[in-house]
Amino acid sequence: MAKKLRITLIKSTIGQKAEKKATVRSLGLKKLNSTVEHEATDAIKGMVVSVAHLVKVEEID
């Protein structure tokens, strides 16, 4: 079974570059404290790394 990531938006995207805002939106995060779960694929991990200062990530099984 593949590992999953629980991603929570903890900081606002106001004042961030358009690329960072687009990455947050593509992860499925809209409002502060919204949470989504994704499979731990390389693409998702790369997006999380690029917005690591805005999100909190937890590994779940």
C-alpha atoms as a PDB file:
ATOM      1  CA  MET A   1       0.000   0.000   0.000  1.00  0.00           C
ATOM      2  CA  ALA A   2       1.357   3.394  -0.985  1.00  0.00           C
ATOM      3  CA  LYS A   3       2.036   6.013   1.636  1.00  0.00           C
ATOM      4  CA  LYS A   4      -0.116   9.115   1.746  1.00  0.00           C
ATOM      5  CA  LEU A   5       0.627  12.684   2.686  1.00  0.00           C
ATOM      6  CA  ARG A   6      -1.741  14.915   4.653  1.00  0.00           C
ATOM      7  CA  ILE A   7      -1.042  18.499   3.572  1.00  0.00           C
ATOM      8  CA  THR A   8      -2.418  21.509   5.467  1.00  0.00           C
ATOM      9  CA  LEU A   9      -2.169  25.158   4.408  1.00  0.00           C
ATOM     10  CA  ILE A  10      -0.879  27.029   7.462  1.00  0.00           C
ATOM     11  CA  LYS A  11       0.247  30.331   5.942  1.00  0.00           C
ATOM     12  CA  SER A  12      -1.527  32.629   3.505  1.00  0.00           C
ATOM     13  CA  THR A  13      -0.467  32.919  -0.120  1.00  0.00           C
ATOM     14  CA  ILE A  14      -0.962  36.704  -0.061  1.00  0.00           C
ATOM     15  CA  GLY A  15       2.258  38.339  -1.187  1.00  0.00           C
ATOM     16  CA  GLN A  16       3.637  35.125  -2.729  1.00  0.00           C
ATOM     17  CA  LYS A  17       4.670  34.790  -6.365  1.00  0.00           C
ATOM     18  CA  ALA A  18       2.105  33.548  -8.847  1.00  0.00           C
ATOM     19  CA  GLU A  19       3.957  30.232  -9.252  1.00  0.00           C
ATOM     20  CA  LYS A  20       3.655  29.494  -5.527  1.00  0.00           C
ATOM     21  CA  LYS A  21      -0.040  30.389  -5.518  1.00  0.00           C
ATOM     22  CA  ALA A  22      -0.624  28.102  -8.491  1.00  0.00           C
ATOM     23  CA  THR A  23       1.203  25.251  -6.774  1.00  0.00           C
ATOM     24  CA  VAL A  24      -0.918  25.600  -3.635  1.00  0.00           C
ATOM     25  CA  ARG A  25      -4.098  25.620  -5.736  1.00  0.00           C
ATOM     26  CA  SER A  26      -2.983  22.583  -7.738  1.00  0.00           C
ATOM     27  CA  LEU A  27      -2.469  20.696  -4.481  1.00  0.00           C
ATOM     28  CA  GLY A  28      -6.163  21.355  -3.787  1.00  0.00           C
ATOM     29  CA  LEU A  29      -5.705  23.874  -0.974  1.00  0.00           C
ATOM     30  CA  LYS A  30      -8.002  26.894  -0.995  1.00  0.00           C
ATOM     31  CA  LYS A  31      -8.349  28.426   2.468  1.00  0.00           C
ATOM     32  CA  LEU A  32      -6.136  28.580   5.522  1.00  0.00           C
ATOM     33  CA  ASN A  33      -6.187  25.377   7.572  1.00  0.00           C
ATOM     34  CA  SER A  34      -7.670  23.410   4.680  1.00  0.00           C
ATOM     35  CA  THR A  35      -6.331  19.870   4.478  1.00  0.00           C
ATOM     36  CA  VAL A  36      -5.979  17.410   1.602  1.00  0.00           C
ATOM     37  CA  GLU A  37      -4.564  13.905   1.288  1.00  0.00           C
ATOM     38  CA  HIS A  38      -2.467  12.791  -1.684  1.00  0.00           C
ATOM     39  CA  GLU A  39      -0.468   9.727  -2.610  1.00  0.00           C
ATOM     40  CA  ALA A  40       3.248  10.259  -1.930  1.00  0.00           C
ATOM     41  CA  THR A  41       4.349  10.460  -5.566  1.00  0.00           C
ATOM     42  CA  ASP A  42       7.446  12.281  -6.788  1.00  0.00           C
ATOM     43  CA  ALA A  43       5.338  15.027  -8.381  1.00  0.00           C
ATOM     44  CA  ILE A  44       3.427  15.733  -5.173  1.00  0.00           C
ATOM     45  CA  LYS A  45       6.615  15.659  -3.098  1.00  0.00           C
ATOM     46  CA  GLY A  46       8.211  18.182  -5.454  1.00  0.00           C
ATOM     47  CA  MET A  47       5.251  20.528  -5.177  1.00  0.00           C
ATOM     48  CA  VAL A  48       5.318  20.246  -1.388  1.00  0.00           C
ATOM     49  CA  VAL A  49       9.029  21.083  -1.285  1.00  0.00           C
ATOM     50  CA  SER A  50       8.475  24.214  -3.374  1.00  0.00           C
ATOM     51  CA  VAL A  51       5.820  25.544  -0.961  1.00  0.00           C
ATOM     52  CA  ALA A  52       7.226  24.042   2.258  1.00  0.00           C
ATOM     53  CA  HIS A  53       7.164  27.434   3.979  1.00  0.00           C
ATOM     54  CA  LEU A  54       3.375  27.617   3.513  1.00  0.00           C
ATOM     55  CA  VAL A  55       2.255  24.083   4.372  1.00  0.00           C
ATOM     56  CA  LYS A  56       2.491  21.438   7.076  1.00  0.00           C
ATOM     57  CA  VAL A  57       2.976  17.848   5.898  1.00  0.00           C
ATOM     58  CA  GLU A  58       2.258  14.629   7.762  1.00  0.00           C
ATOM     59  CA  GLU A  59       2.924  11.103   6.507  1.00  0.00           C
ATOM     60  CA  ILE A  60       0.035   8.706   7.083  1.00  0.00           C
ATOM     61  CA  ASP A  61      -0.310   5.002   6.370  1.00  0.00           C
END
